N, C-alpha and C. Protein backbone atom coordinates (compact mmCIF):
# COMPACT_ATOMS: atom_id res chain seq x y z
N MET A 1 -21.68 96.77 6.08
CA MET A 1 -20.59 95.96 5.65
C MET A 1 -21.07 94.84 5.44
N ASP A 2 -20.51 94.25 4.60
CA ASP A 2 -20.69 92.61 4.18
C ASP A 2 -19.80 91.94 4.07
N ILE A 3 -19.96 90.46 3.73
CA ILE A 3 -18.88 89.48 3.83
C ILE A 3 -17.46 89.68 2.93
N ILE A 4 -17.89 90.39 2.19
CA ILE A 4 -16.98 90.90 1.27
C ILE A 4 -15.80 91.81 1.64
N SER A 5 -16.56 92.67 2.34
CA SER A 5 -15.71 93.80 2.83
C SER A 5 -15.04 93.38 4.22
N THR A 6 -15.87 92.58 4.62
CA THR A 6 -15.08 92.11 5.86
C THR A 6 -14.01 91.27 5.63
N TYR A 7 -13.96 90.39 5.06
CA TYR A 7 -12.61 89.58 4.15
C TYR A 7 -11.76 90.90 4.15
N GLN A 8 -11.81 91.93 3.36
CA GLN A 8 -10.98 92.73 2.83
C GLN A 8 -9.76 93.07 3.83
N GLN A 9 -10.88 93.41 5.17
CA GLN A 9 -10.43 93.93 6.24
C GLN A 9 -9.68 92.66 7.25
N VAL A 10 -10.11 91.65 7.23
CA VAL A 10 -9.57 90.71 8.30
C VAL A 10 -8.82 89.95 7.39
N GLY A 11 -8.53 89.44 5.92
CA GLY A 11 -7.78 88.55 5.15
C GLY A 11 -7.78 87.36 5.77
N SER A 12 -8.71 86.80 6.23
CA SER A 12 -8.77 85.10 6.60
C SER A 12 -10.23 84.52 6.59
N TYR A 13 -10.37 83.73 6.25
CA TYR A 13 -11.86 83.19 5.84
C TYR A 13 -12.34 82.72 7.06
N ARG A 14 -11.89 81.99 8.19
CA ARG A 14 -11.70 81.60 9.38
C ARG A 14 -12.32 82.75 10.77
N GLY A 15 -11.46 83.90 9.97
CA GLY A 15 -11.57 85.23 10.65
C GLY A 15 -13.35 85.71 10.52
N THR A 16 -13.74 85.95 9.14
CA THR A 16 -14.73 86.54 8.46
C THR A 16 -15.51 85.81 8.81
N ALA A 17 -15.51 84.58 9.16
CA ALA A 17 -16.87 83.48 9.46
C ALA A 17 -17.22 83.67 10.83
N ALA A 18 -16.10 83.85 11.54
CA ALA A 18 -16.16 83.82 12.95
C ALA A 18 -16.92 85.62 12.92
N ILE A 19 -16.81 86.45 12.66
CA ILE A 19 -17.69 87.98 12.74
C ILE A 19 -19.05 87.69 12.27
N TRP A 20 -19.16 86.92 11.18
CA TRP A 20 -20.50 86.56 10.63
C TRP A 20 -21.49 85.81 10.86
N GLY A 21 -20.96 84.57 11.61
CA GLY A 21 -21.44 83.51 12.38
C GLY A 21 -21.95 82.49 11.21
N THR A 22 -20.79 82.33 10.62
CA THR A 22 -21.18 81.22 9.22
C THR A 22 -19.86 80.58 9.37
N THR A 23 -19.68 79.73 8.30
CA THR A 23 -18.49 78.47 8.19
C THR A 23 -17.31 79.28 6.91
N PRO A 24 -16.39 79.16 7.32
CA PRO A 24 -15.10 79.56 6.25
C PRO A 24 -15.38 79.10 4.75
N LYS A 25 -15.77 77.67 4.51
CA LYS A 25 -16.49 77.28 3.30
C LYS A 25 -17.47 78.13 2.65
N THR A 26 -18.28 78.83 3.62
CA THR A 26 -19.43 79.86 2.98
C THR A 26 -18.60 80.91 2.80
N VAL A 27 -17.95 81.58 3.27
CA VAL A 27 -17.07 83.10 3.28
C VAL A 27 -16.26 82.80 1.73
N LYS A 28 -15.73 81.65 1.65
CA LYS A 28 -14.88 80.98 0.64
C LYS A 28 -15.42 81.25 -0.80
N ARG A 29 -16.99 80.84 -0.55
CA ARG A 29 -17.71 80.82 -1.60
C ARG A 29 -18.17 82.02 -2.07
N VAL A 30 -18.61 82.70 -1.42
CA VAL A 30 -18.80 84.22 -1.50
C VAL A 30 -17.65 84.94 -2.16
N ILE A 31 -16.40 84.87 -1.37
CA ILE A 31 -14.92 85.42 -2.00
C ILE A 31 -14.97 84.93 -3.34
N THR A 32 -15.05 83.92 -3.77
CA THR A 32 -14.94 83.13 -4.85
C THR A 32 -15.92 83.84 -6.10
N ARG A 33 -17.05 83.86 -5.89
CA ARG A 33 -17.92 83.97 -6.60
C ARG A 33 -17.67 85.45 -7.00
N ALA A 34 -17.29 86.57 -5.94
CA ALA A 34 -17.39 87.94 -6.43
C ALA A 34 -16.08 88.20 -7.19
N GLU A 35 -14.86 87.24 -7.06
CA GLU A 35 -13.76 87.41 -7.40
C GLU A 35 -14.21 86.86 -9.35
N ALA A 36 -15.05 85.97 -9.29
CA ALA A 36 -15.44 85.39 -10.93
C ALA A 36 -16.29 86.69 -11.60
N GLY A 37 -16.63 87.99 -10.59
CA GLY A 37 -17.56 88.88 -11.57
C GLY A 37 -18.81 88.58 -11.04
N GLY A 38 -19.21 87.90 -9.89
CA GLY A 38 -20.59 87.82 -9.18
C GLY A 38 -21.40 86.83 -9.74
N THR A 39 -20.66 85.72 -10.57
CA THR A 39 -21.18 84.63 -10.64
C THR A 39 -20.89 83.36 -10.13
N ALA A 40 -21.66 82.52 -9.70
CA ALA A 40 -21.37 81.30 -9.10
C ALA A 40 -20.06 80.38 -9.83
N ALA A 41 -19.44 79.64 -9.29
CA ALA A 41 -18.66 78.83 -10.16
C ALA A 41 -19.16 77.64 -10.61
N PRO A 42 -19.10 76.91 -12.01
CA PRO A 42 -19.85 76.04 -12.23
C PRO A 42 -19.32 74.91 -11.28
N ARG A 43 -20.60 73.97 -10.68
CA ARG A 43 -20.36 73.08 -9.85
C ARG A 43 -20.08 71.43 -10.56
N VAL A 44 -19.27 71.06 -10.42
CA VAL A 44 -18.32 69.55 -11.16
C VAL A 44 -19.31 68.59 -10.77
N ARG A 45 -19.87 67.89 -11.46
CA ARG A 45 -21.08 66.55 -11.56
C ARG A 45 -20.18 65.63 -10.81
N ARG A 46 -20.81 64.93 -9.57
CA ARG A 46 -20.04 64.25 -8.73
C ARG A 46 -20.42 62.70 -9.33
N VAL A 47 -19.77 61.80 -9.50
CA VAL A 47 -20.01 60.56 -9.99
C VAL A 47 -20.39 59.67 -9.17
N ARG A 48 -21.65 59.10 -9.04
CA ARG A 48 -22.06 58.22 -8.37
C ARG A 48 -20.72 56.60 -8.53
N ASN A 49 -20.92 56.14 -7.67
CA ASN A 49 -20.43 54.50 -7.30
C ASN A 49 -21.19 53.73 -7.93
N TYR A 50 -22.42 53.81 -8.43
CA TYR A 50 -23.38 52.70 -8.62
C TYR A 50 -23.85 53.23 -10.11
N GLU A 51 -23.45 54.44 -10.83
CA GLU A 51 -23.93 54.66 -12.11
C GLU A 51 -23.78 53.37 -12.93
N SER A 52 -22.15 52.72 -12.87
CA SER A 52 -21.93 51.33 -13.81
C SER A 52 -22.80 50.38 -13.74
N VAL A 53 -23.90 50.52 -12.57
CA VAL A 53 -24.85 48.92 -12.79
C VAL A 53 -26.40 49.58 -12.69
N ALA A 54 -26.28 50.90 -12.93
CA ALA A 54 -27.47 51.58 -13.07
C ALA A 54 -28.37 50.61 -14.08
N GLY A 55 -27.82 50.55 -15.16
CA GLY A 55 -28.67 49.99 -16.61
C GLY A 55 -29.11 48.50 -16.18
N LEU A 56 -28.11 47.63 -15.44
CA LEU A 56 -28.02 46.14 -14.86
C LEU A 56 -29.46 46.30 -14.10
N VAL A 57 -29.31 47.51 -13.30
CA VAL A 57 -30.79 47.52 -12.14
C VAL A 57 -32.01 47.48 -12.69
N ALA A 58 -31.92 48.59 -14.04
CA ALA A 58 -33.29 49.12 -14.59
C ALA A 58 -33.62 47.86 -15.37
N ALA A 59 -32.69 46.91 -15.85
CA ALA A 59 -33.44 45.76 -16.81
C ALA A 59 -33.69 44.75 -15.45
N LYS A 60 -33.39 44.66 -14.88
CA LYS A 60 -33.83 43.29 -13.51
C LYS A 60 -34.94 44.08 -13.02
N ILE A 61 -35.44 45.20 -12.84
CA ILE A 61 -36.59 45.67 -12.36
C ILE A 61 -37.66 45.39 -13.40
N ALA A 62 -37.36 46.05 -14.63
CA ALA A 62 -38.36 45.79 -15.52
C ALA A 62 -38.74 44.30 -15.91
N SER A 63 -37.97 43.27 -15.73
CA SER A 63 -38.23 42.13 -16.39
C SER A 63 -39.09 41.48 -14.87
N THR A 64 -38.70 42.05 -14.12
CA THR A 64 -39.47 41.66 -12.65
C THR A 64 -40.64 42.18 -12.27
N ARG A 65 -41.10 43.33 -12.85
CA ARG A 65 -42.06 44.03 -12.87
C ARG A 65 -42.03 44.93 -11.52
N GLY A 66 -41.20 45.17 -10.71
CA GLY A 66 -40.77 45.81 -10.01
C GLY A 66 -40.68 45.31 -8.87
N ARG A 67 -40.78 43.96 -8.80
CA ARG A 67 -40.85 42.70 -7.42
C ARG A 67 -39.50 42.56 -6.64
N ILE A 68 -38.37 42.97 -7.46
CA ILE A 68 -37.13 42.38 -6.77
C ILE A 68 -36.55 43.43 -5.83
N SER A 69 -35.90 42.85 -4.68
CA SER A 69 -35.62 43.91 -4.02
C SER A 69 -34.15 43.80 -4.01
N ALA A 70 -33.78 44.97 -3.61
CA ALA A 70 -31.98 45.23 -3.44
C ALA A 70 -31.12 44.46 -2.97
N LYS A 71 -31.78 43.35 -1.98
CA LYS A 71 -30.77 42.64 -1.64
C LYS A 71 -30.69 41.16 -2.29
N ARG A 72 -31.54 40.81 -3.06
CA ARG A 72 -31.08 39.89 -3.95
C ARG A 72 -30.84 40.87 -5.55
N LEU A 73 -30.44 41.93 -5.48
CA LEU A 73 -30.25 42.17 -6.29
C LEU A 73 -28.32 42.76 -6.52
N LEU A 74 -28.09 42.83 -5.12
CA LEU A 74 -26.65 43.07 -4.61
C LEU A 74 -25.93 42.54 -5.56
N PRO A 75 -25.81 40.40 -4.95
CA PRO A 75 -24.90 40.12 -5.38
C PRO A 75 -24.86 40.09 -7.17
N ALA A 76 -25.59 40.23 -7.79
CA ALA A 76 -25.30 40.62 -9.18
C ALA A 76 -24.43 41.65 -9.60
N ALA A 77 -25.11 42.98 -8.82
CA ALA A 77 -24.04 44.04 -8.96
C ALA A 77 -22.79 43.92 -8.14
N ARG A 78 -22.66 43.08 -7.37
CA ARG A 78 -21.22 43.01 -7.32
C ARG A 78 -20.58 42.31 -8.08
N ALA A 79 -20.83 41.31 -8.86
CA ALA A 79 -20.34 40.63 -10.01
C ALA A 79 -19.97 41.66 -10.78
N ALA A 80 -21.40 42.45 -11.22
CA ALA A 80 -21.20 43.28 -12.27
C ALA A 80 -19.44 44.63 -12.28
N GLY A 81 -19.20 44.41 -10.79
CA GLY A 81 -18.34 45.71 -10.45
C GLY A 81 -18.53 46.81 -9.55
N PHE A 82 -19.89 46.56 -8.93
CA PHE A 82 -20.65 47.67 -7.93
C PHE A 82 -19.31 47.22 -6.60
N SER A 83 -18.96 48.49 -6.15
CA SER A 83 -17.82 48.40 -4.85
C SER A 83 -18.40 49.31 -3.74
N GLY A 84 -19.69 50.14 -3.95
CA GLY A 84 -20.48 50.92 -3.01
C GLY A 84 -21.05 50.15 -1.86
N SER A 85 -21.63 51.11 -1.04
CA SER A 85 -22.26 50.15 0.16
C SER A 85 -23.61 49.90 -0.46
N ALA A 86 -24.14 48.87 0.61
CA ALA A 86 -25.64 48.76 0.48
C ALA A 86 -26.27 49.48 0.62
N ARG A 87 -26.18 50.63 1.55
CA ARG A 87 -26.92 51.61 1.77
C ARG A 87 -27.51 52.31 0.51
N ASN A 88 -26.27 52.56 -0.29
CA ASN A 88 -26.28 53.72 -1.48
C ASN A 88 -26.91 52.81 -2.70
N PHE A 89 -26.69 51.48 -2.58
CA PHE A 89 -27.31 50.57 -3.70
C PHE A 89 -28.82 50.54 -3.44
N ARG A 90 -29.36 50.39 -2.02
CA ARG A 90 -30.60 50.67 -2.02
C ARG A 90 -31.38 51.61 -2.47
N ARG A 91 -30.78 52.74 -2.45
CA ARG A 91 -31.63 53.94 -3.01
C ARG A 91 -31.28 54.24 -4.53
N LEU A 92 -30.26 53.64 -5.29
CA LEU A 92 -30.26 53.41 -6.49
C LEU A 92 -31.57 52.30 -7.09
N VAL A 93 -31.82 51.50 -6.28
CA VAL A 93 -33.06 50.34 -6.41
C VAL A 93 -34.29 51.34 -6.22
N ALA A 94 -34.66 51.64 -4.90
CA ALA A 94 -35.84 52.88 -4.68
C ALA A 94 -35.71 54.06 -6.13
N ALA A 95 -34.85 54.22 -6.11
CA ALA A 95 -35.03 55.03 -7.53
C ALA A 95 -35.00 54.66 -8.81
N ALA A 96 -34.84 53.71 -9.35
CA ALA A 96 -35.33 52.68 -10.51
C ALA A 96 -36.34 52.15 -10.24
N LYS A 97 -37.02 52.07 -9.19
CA LYS A 97 -38.57 51.24 -9.29
C LYS A 97 -39.36 52.48 -9.43
N VAL A 98 -39.21 53.92 -8.64
CA VAL A 98 -39.90 54.99 -8.58
C VAL A 98 -40.32 55.03 -10.41
N ALA A 99 -38.98 55.51 -11.21
CA ALA A 99 -38.83 55.62 -12.65
C ALA A 99 -39.76 54.69 -13.13
N TRP A 100 -39.57 53.07 -12.80
CA TRP A 100 -40.31 52.00 -13.46
C TRP A 100 -41.85 52.23 -13.45
N ARG A 101 -42.22 52.68 -12.34
CA ARG A 101 -43.59 52.70 -11.95
C ARG A 101 -44.43 53.71 -12.59
N ARG A 102 -43.69 54.92 -12.59
CA ARG A 102 -44.24 56.12 -13.70
C ARG A 102 -44.28 55.86 -15.13
N GLU A 103 -43.34 55.10 -15.70
CA GLU A 103 -43.40 54.72 -16.86
C GLU A 103 -44.22 53.64 -17.30
N ASP A 104 -44.61 52.61 -16.25
CA ASP A 104 -45.15 51.30 -16.59
C ASP A 104 -46.35 51.13 -15.67
N HIS A 105 -47.05 51.97 -15.36
CA HIS A 105 -48.07 52.08 -14.23
C HIS A 105 -49.37 51.17 -14.80
N ARG A 106 -50.48 51.12 -14.16
CA ARG A 106 -51.52 50.39 -14.53
C ARG A 106 -52.64 51.19 -15.18
N GLY A 107 -52.27 52.27 -14.52
CA GLY A 107 -53.53 53.53 -15.43
C GLY A 107 -54.32 53.81 -13.85
N ARG A 108 -54.48 52.84 -13.02
CA ARG A 108 -55.69 53.01 -11.86
C ARG A 108 -55.39 53.97 -10.89
N ARG A 109 -56.28 54.42 -10.49
CA ARG A 109 -56.59 55.27 -9.06
C ARG A 109 -57.57 54.97 -7.91
N PRO A 110 -57.41 55.32 -7.24
CA PRO A 110 -57.96 55.29 -6.35
C PRO A 110 -59.73 55.60 -6.33
N ALA A 111 -60.53 55.01 -5.87
CA ALA A 111 -61.92 55.41 -6.38
C ALA A 111 -62.06 56.63 -5.24
N VAL A 112 -63.16 57.39 -6.27
CA VAL A 112 -63.45 58.24 -5.08
C VAL A 112 -65.11 58.15 -4.94
N TRP A 113 -65.34 57.65 -3.82
CA TRP A 113 -66.68 57.45 -3.45
C TRP A 113 -67.71 58.92 -3.18
N ALA A 114 -68.88 58.65 -3.49
CA ALA A 114 -69.96 59.83 -2.96
C ALA A 114 -70.82 59.26 -1.74
N PRO A 115 -71.59 60.18 -1.01
CA PRO A 115 -71.87 59.98 0.14
C PRO A 115 -73.66 58.97 -0.44
N GLY A 116 -73.88 57.77 -0.07
CA GLY A 116 -74.96 56.92 -0.39
C GLY A 116 -75.22 56.48 -1.75
N GLU A 117 -73.71 56.74 -2.05
CA GLU A 117 -73.96 55.92 -3.90
C GLU A 117 -73.32 54.61 -3.52
N TYR A 118 -72.78 53.98 -2.81
CA TYR A 118 -72.35 52.59 -2.92
C TYR A 118 -72.29 51.75 -1.63
N LEU A 119 -73.28 50.29 -1.64
CA LEU A 119 -72.97 49.89 -0.49
C LEU A 119 -72.33 48.63 -1.17
N VAL A 120 -70.71 48.04 -0.55
CA VAL A 120 -69.93 47.21 -0.53
C VAL A 120 -70.34 45.96 0.12
N ILE A 121 -70.94 44.79 -0.35
CA ILE A 121 -71.24 43.69 -0.07
C ILE A 121 -70.17 42.61 0.29
N ASP A 122 -69.80 41.40 0.70
CA ASP A 122 -69.43 40.29 0.67
C ASP A 122 -69.70 39.37 1.11
N TRP A 123 -69.14 37.76 1.38
CA TRP A 123 -69.47 36.61 2.11
C TRP A 123 -68.39 36.37 2.70
N GLY A 124 -68.09 35.74 3.83
CA GLY A 124 -66.82 35.38 4.33
C GLY A 124 -67.29 34.09 5.46
N ASN A 125 -66.05 33.81 5.64
CA ASN A 125 -66.12 32.28 6.48
C ASN A 125 -65.24 32.25 7.70
N LEU A 126 -66.16 32.38 8.91
CA LEU A 126 -65.26 32.27 10.04
C LEU A 126 -65.49 30.90 10.98
N GLY A 127 -64.62 30.14 11.25
CA GLY A 127 -64.77 28.66 11.69
C GLY A 127 -66.23 28.05 11.19
N GLY A 128 -66.25 27.87 10.09
CA GLY A 128 -67.62 27.32 9.39
C GLY A 128 -68.52 28.12 9.67
N VAL A 129 -68.83 29.15 9.93
CA VAL A 129 -70.24 30.12 9.89
C VAL A 129 -69.95 31.14 9.13
N LYS A 130 -70.81 31.26 8.10
CA LYS A 130 -70.93 32.28 7.49
C LYS A 130 -71.09 33.93 7.80
N VAL A 131 -70.51 34.56 7.30
CA VAL A 131 -70.39 35.91 7.89
C VAL A 131 -70.66 36.97 6.54
N PHE A 132 -71.77 37.61 6.99
CA PHE A 132 -72.38 38.84 5.83
C PHE A 132 -71.62 40.01 6.00
N CYS A 133 -71.05 40.97 5.51
CA CYS A 133 -70.53 41.98 5.52
C CYS A 133 -70.83 43.13 4.49
N ALA A 134 -71.32 44.40 5.06
CA ALA A 134 -71.50 45.17 4.08
C ALA A 134 -71.18 46.51 4.73
N VAL A 135 -70.54 47.64 3.88
CA VAL A 135 -69.60 48.88 4.25
C VAL A 135 -70.17 49.61 3.15
N LEU A 136 -70.89 50.94 4.08
CA LEU A 136 -70.97 51.98 3.37
C LEU A 136 -69.63 52.53 2.68
N ALA A 137 -69.31 52.79 1.72
CA ALA A 137 -68.03 53.09 0.89
C ALA A 137 -67.62 54.38 1.25
N TRP A 138 -68.62 55.26 1.30
CA TRP A 138 -68.35 56.82 1.82
C TRP A 138 -67.89 56.95 3.55
N SER A 139 -68.72 56.86 3.87
CA SER A 139 -68.89 57.01 5.44
C SER A 139 -68.38 55.93 6.33
N ARG A 140 -67.87 54.67 5.68
CA ARG A 140 -67.44 53.32 6.30
C ARG A 140 -68.24 52.49 7.39
N VAL A 141 -69.68 53.01 7.49
CA VAL A 141 -70.43 52.45 8.49
C VAL A 141 -70.65 50.87 7.87
N ARG A 142 -70.46 50.23 9.03
CA ARG A 142 -69.98 48.75 8.70
C ARG A 142 -71.38 47.84 9.39
N PHE A 143 -71.91 46.63 8.57
CA PHE A 143 -72.68 45.43 9.09
C PHE A 143 -72.47 44.36 8.70
N VAL A 144 -72.66 43.69 9.84
CA VAL A 144 -72.04 42.46 9.94
C VAL A 144 -73.06 41.45 11.02
N ARG A 145 -73.55 40.35 10.01
CA ARG A 145 -74.26 39.57 10.72
C ARG A 145 -73.84 38.10 10.37
N PHE A 146 -74.44 36.88 11.27
CA PHE A 146 -73.89 35.73 10.79
C PHE A 146 -75.19 34.90 10.02
N ALA A 147 -74.51 33.80 9.62
CA ALA A 147 -75.81 33.15 8.85
C ALA A 147 -75.23 31.62 8.43
N ALA A 148 -75.98 30.61 8.40
CA ALA A 148 -75.96 29.22 7.98
C ALA A 148 -75.40 28.70 6.71
N ASP A 149 -76.16 29.98 5.59
CA ASP A 149 -75.70 29.63 4.28
C ASP A 149 -75.51 30.56 3.33
N GLU A 150 -75.17 31.05 2.11
CA GLU A 150 -75.07 32.08 1.42
C GLU A 150 -75.72 32.33 -0.01
N GLN A 151 -77.15 31.55 0.15
CA GLN A 151 -77.84 31.42 -0.41
C GLN A 151 -78.56 32.93 -0.74
N ALA A 152 -79.40 33.00 -2.13
CA ALA A 152 -79.88 34.27 -2.48
C ALA A 152 -81.05 34.89 -1.80
N THR A 153 -81.45 34.16 -0.98
CA THR A 153 -82.89 34.37 -0.27
C THR A 153 -82.41 35.05 1.18
N THR A 154 -80.99 34.38 1.40
CA THR A 154 -80.28 34.61 2.80
C THR A 154 -79.73 36.03 2.50
N THR A 155 -78.86 36.40 1.30
CA THR A 155 -78.60 37.77 1.16
C THR A 155 -79.48 38.60 1.08
N MET A 156 -80.47 38.16 0.10
CA MET A 156 -81.95 39.52 0.18
C MET A 156 -82.38 39.84 1.55
N GLY A 157 -82.07 38.65 2.65
CA GLY A 157 -82.88 39.30 3.73
C GLY A 157 -81.86 39.95 4.54
N MET A 158 -80.31 40.08 4.13
CA MET A 158 -79.35 40.37 5.32
C MET A 158 -79.42 41.90 4.46
N LEU A 159 -79.51 42.07 3.20
CA LEU A 159 -79.51 43.35 2.77
C LEU A 159 -80.61 44.14 3.15
N ALA A 160 -81.76 43.37 3.62
CA ALA A 160 -83.62 44.27 3.71
C ALA A 160 -82.73 44.77 5.39
N GLU A 161 -82.20 44.11 6.02
CA GLU A 161 -82.06 44.16 7.29
C GLU A 161 -80.84 45.12 7.71
N CYS A 162 -80.02 45.32 6.55
CA CYS A 162 -78.68 46.33 6.55
C CYS A 162 -79.51 47.77 5.96
N PHE A 163 -80.87 47.58 5.19
CA PHE A 163 -80.97 48.83 4.90
C PHE A 163 -81.96 49.30 6.05
N GLU A 164 -82.46 48.45 6.71
CA GLU A 164 -83.28 49.09 7.86
C GLU A 164 -82.32 49.93 9.07
N THR A 165 -81.51 48.60 9.23
CA THR A 165 -80.45 49.25 10.22
C THR A 165 -79.55 50.75 10.13
N ILE A 166 -79.51 50.79 8.48
CA ILE A 166 -78.63 52.45 8.41
C ILE A 166 -79.31 53.45 8.38
N GLY A 167 -81.09 52.98 7.80
CA GLY A 167 -82.17 53.83 7.52
C GLY A 167 -81.87 54.68 6.53
N GLY A 168 -81.33 53.80 5.58
CA GLY A 168 -81.73 54.21 3.96
C GLY A 168 -81.12 53.44 2.67
N VAL A 169 -81.52 53.54 1.81
CA VAL A 169 -80.89 53.02 0.55
C VAL A 169 -79.98 53.43 -0.29
N PRO A 170 -78.70 52.43 -0.75
CA PRO A 170 -77.56 53.15 -1.32
C PRO A 170 -78.31 53.30 -2.80
N THR A 171 -77.27 54.02 -3.59
CA THR A 171 -77.87 53.95 -5.36
C THR A 171 -77.46 52.47 -5.69
N LYS A 172 -76.33 51.99 -5.43
CA LYS A 172 -75.96 51.00 -5.84
C LYS A 172 -75.03 50.14 -4.94
N VAL A 173 -75.27 48.87 -4.86
CA VAL A 173 -74.89 47.35 -4.17
C VAL A 173 -73.93 46.49 -5.19
N LEU A 174 -72.26 46.90 -4.52
CA LEU A 174 -71.37 46.22 -4.68
C LEU A 174 -70.78 45.33 -4.36
N ALA A 175 -70.87 44.12 -5.25
CA ALA A 175 -70.36 42.74 -4.78
C ALA A 175 -68.92 42.50 -5.37
N ASP A 176 -68.37 41.83 -4.18
CA ASP A 176 -66.49 41.66 -4.72
C ASP A 176 -67.11 40.06 -5.53
N ARG A 177 -67.35 40.06 -6.87
CA ARG A 177 -66.74 38.62 -7.49
C ARG A 177 -67.86 37.81 -7.11
N MET A 178 -69.26 38.22 -6.49
CA MET A 178 -69.82 37.18 -5.78
C MET A 178 -70.53 36.50 -6.72
N GLY A 179 -70.67 35.06 -7.06
CA GLY A 179 -70.88 34.18 -8.24
C GLY A 179 -72.49 34.47 -8.11
N ALA A 180 -73.10 34.67 -7.32
CA ALA A 180 -74.53 34.77 -7.02
C ALA A 180 -74.91 36.12 -7.75
N SER A 181 -74.07 37.17 -7.67
CA SER A 181 -74.56 38.49 -8.43
C SER A 181 -74.52 38.26 -9.77
N ARG A 182 -74.04 37.16 -10.62
CA ARG A 182 -73.72 37.33 -11.97
C ARG A 182 -74.73 36.01 -12.55
N ALA A 183 -75.79 35.68 -11.50
CA ALA A 183 -76.61 34.33 -11.91
C ALA A 183 -77.54 34.94 -12.13
N ALA A 184 -78.48 34.64 -12.89
CA ALA A 184 -79.89 34.95 -13.48
C ALA A 184 -80.90 34.67 -12.32
N TRP A 185 -80.76 33.85 -11.28
CA TRP A 185 -81.54 33.69 -10.40
C TRP A 185 -81.60 34.66 -9.17
N TRP A 186 -80.10 35.35 -9.37
CA TRP A 186 -79.73 36.74 -8.32
C TRP A 186 -80.81 37.60 -8.74
N ARG A 187 -80.78 37.81 -9.90
CA ARG A 187 -81.34 39.00 -10.81
C ARG A 187 -83.00 38.94 -10.32
N THR A 188 -83.14 37.45 -10.47
CA THR A 188 -84.93 37.22 -10.14
C THR A 188 -85.29 37.36 -9.00
N SER A 189 -84.39 37.06 -8.06
CA SER A 189 -84.68 36.94 -6.50
C SER A 189 -84.57 38.84 -6.34
N TRP A 190 -83.54 39.79 -6.80
CA TRP A 190 -83.28 40.81 -6.37
C TRP A 190 -84.77 41.59 -7.09
N SER A 191 -85.08 41.21 -7.75
CA SER A 191 -86.57 41.91 -8.65
C SER A 191 -87.68 41.37 -7.64
N SER A 192 -87.84 40.41 -7.20
CA SER A 192 -89.01 39.96 -6.41
C SER A 192 -88.83 40.66 -4.94
N ALA A 193 -87.48 40.68 -4.70
CA ALA A 193 -87.50 41.56 -3.08
C ALA A 193 -87.91 42.57 -2.95
N GLY A 194 -87.28 43.42 -4.50
CA GLY A 194 -87.51 44.74 -4.64
C GLY A 194 -89.22 45.38 -4.56
N SER A 195 -90.11 43.85 -4.89
CA SER A 195 -91.18 44.65 -5.51
C SER A 195 -92.36 43.60 -4.41
N ALA A 196 -91.48 42.84 -3.83
CA ALA A 196 -92.97 42.53 -2.88
C ALA A 196 -92.14 42.47 -1.51
N SER A 197 -91.19 41.84 -1.36
CA SER A 197 -90.68 41.63 0.17
C SER A 197 -89.97 42.87 0.82
N SER A 198 -89.63 43.54 0.07
CA SER A 198 -88.49 44.95 0.62
C SER A 198 -88.88 46.14 -0.06
N PRO A 199 -90.21 46.90 -0.29
CA PRO A 199 -90.13 48.15 -0.86
C PRO A 199 -89.27 49.23 -1.30
N ARG A 200 -88.19 48.88 0.01
CA ARG A 200 -86.96 49.40 0.04
C ARG A 200 -85.89 49.28 -1.09
N MET A 201 -85.88 48.51 -1.79
CA MET A 201 -84.72 47.96 -2.37
C MET A 201 -84.96 48.43 -4.25
N ARG A 202 -86.21 48.74 -4.13
CA ARG A 202 -86.66 49.44 -5.48
C ARG A 202 -86.06 50.25 -6.25
N GLY A 203 -85.45 50.16 -7.54
CA GLY A 203 -84.64 51.49 -7.76
C GLY A 203 -83.04 51.33 -7.23
N VAL A 204 -82.37 50.11 -6.49
CA VAL A 204 -81.20 50.03 -6.14
C VAL A 204 -80.80 48.80 -7.74
N ARG A 205 -79.42 49.53 -7.93
CA ARG A 205 -78.65 48.60 -8.59
C ARG A 205 -77.73 47.89 -8.31
N THR A 206 -77.50 46.62 -8.68
CA THR A 206 -76.48 45.81 -8.20
C THR A 206 -75.42 45.59 -9.44
N CYS A 207 -74.10 45.64 -8.91
CA CYS A 207 -72.82 45.50 -9.88
C CYS A 207 -71.89 44.57 -9.40
N SER A 208 -70.97 44.24 -9.50
CA SER A 208 -69.60 43.24 -9.31
C SER A 208 -68.53 43.83 -9.72
N CYS A 209 -67.39 43.41 -9.08
CA CYS A 209 -66.26 44.08 -8.99
C CYS A 209 -65.77 43.15 -10.41
N THR A 210 -64.46 43.36 -11.27
CA THR A 210 -64.12 42.41 -12.33
C THR A 210 -62.28 42.85 -11.90
N CYS A 211 -61.98 41.58 -11.68
CA CYS A 211 -60.45 41.33 -11.19
C CYS A 211 -59.61 41.47 -12.75
N ARG A 212 -58.69 42.24 -12.71
CA ARG A 212 -57.68 42.42 -14.11
C ARG A 212 -56.23 42.03 -13.43
N SER A 213 -55.91 41.13 -14.34
CA SER A 213 -54.59 40.54 -14.20
C SER A 213 -53.35 41.50 -14.55
């Protein structure tokens, strides 16, 4: 026995639903499909109440490069005839932002690190005291020391101590747009440190991040 034969015996959607443990709407859909020859009735697409302002939202998101919020956009949408709820409008804005990012992304991908490849270094300032920070990109092992200045010789000493602490040398040292890493005297100090004061530094490459607008 199935829903169709049960309905033929009972004669009501509610009674059939009670027997099969479902809802009358489900029984009605099954019977309607069977009477139509086994094919599902075509669904009528519902018109969303925000479709009239979808073009406006897409244009605003494109002009602000995806930074405008739904709260800022809502008054303009109301003026353009949108009468739905703020919740529905937030859904429209979220979907429009996803579509914009898919078509207008920068093409960047998260970096994929390898063990022993990169040591990321940078200088900071904490209450007037210089802070040297180094992080192994793959394992996230951190090295932090305080200093009185950010001179090249100080940086070399910090790197030498960092290598001794972590017990190894990375392939590359990545600096976050440090002015010292682009200067000629940095490369000179690095070469002299690698050949004389710290043999561990031999073969280590230095590189700096570039900022793209």
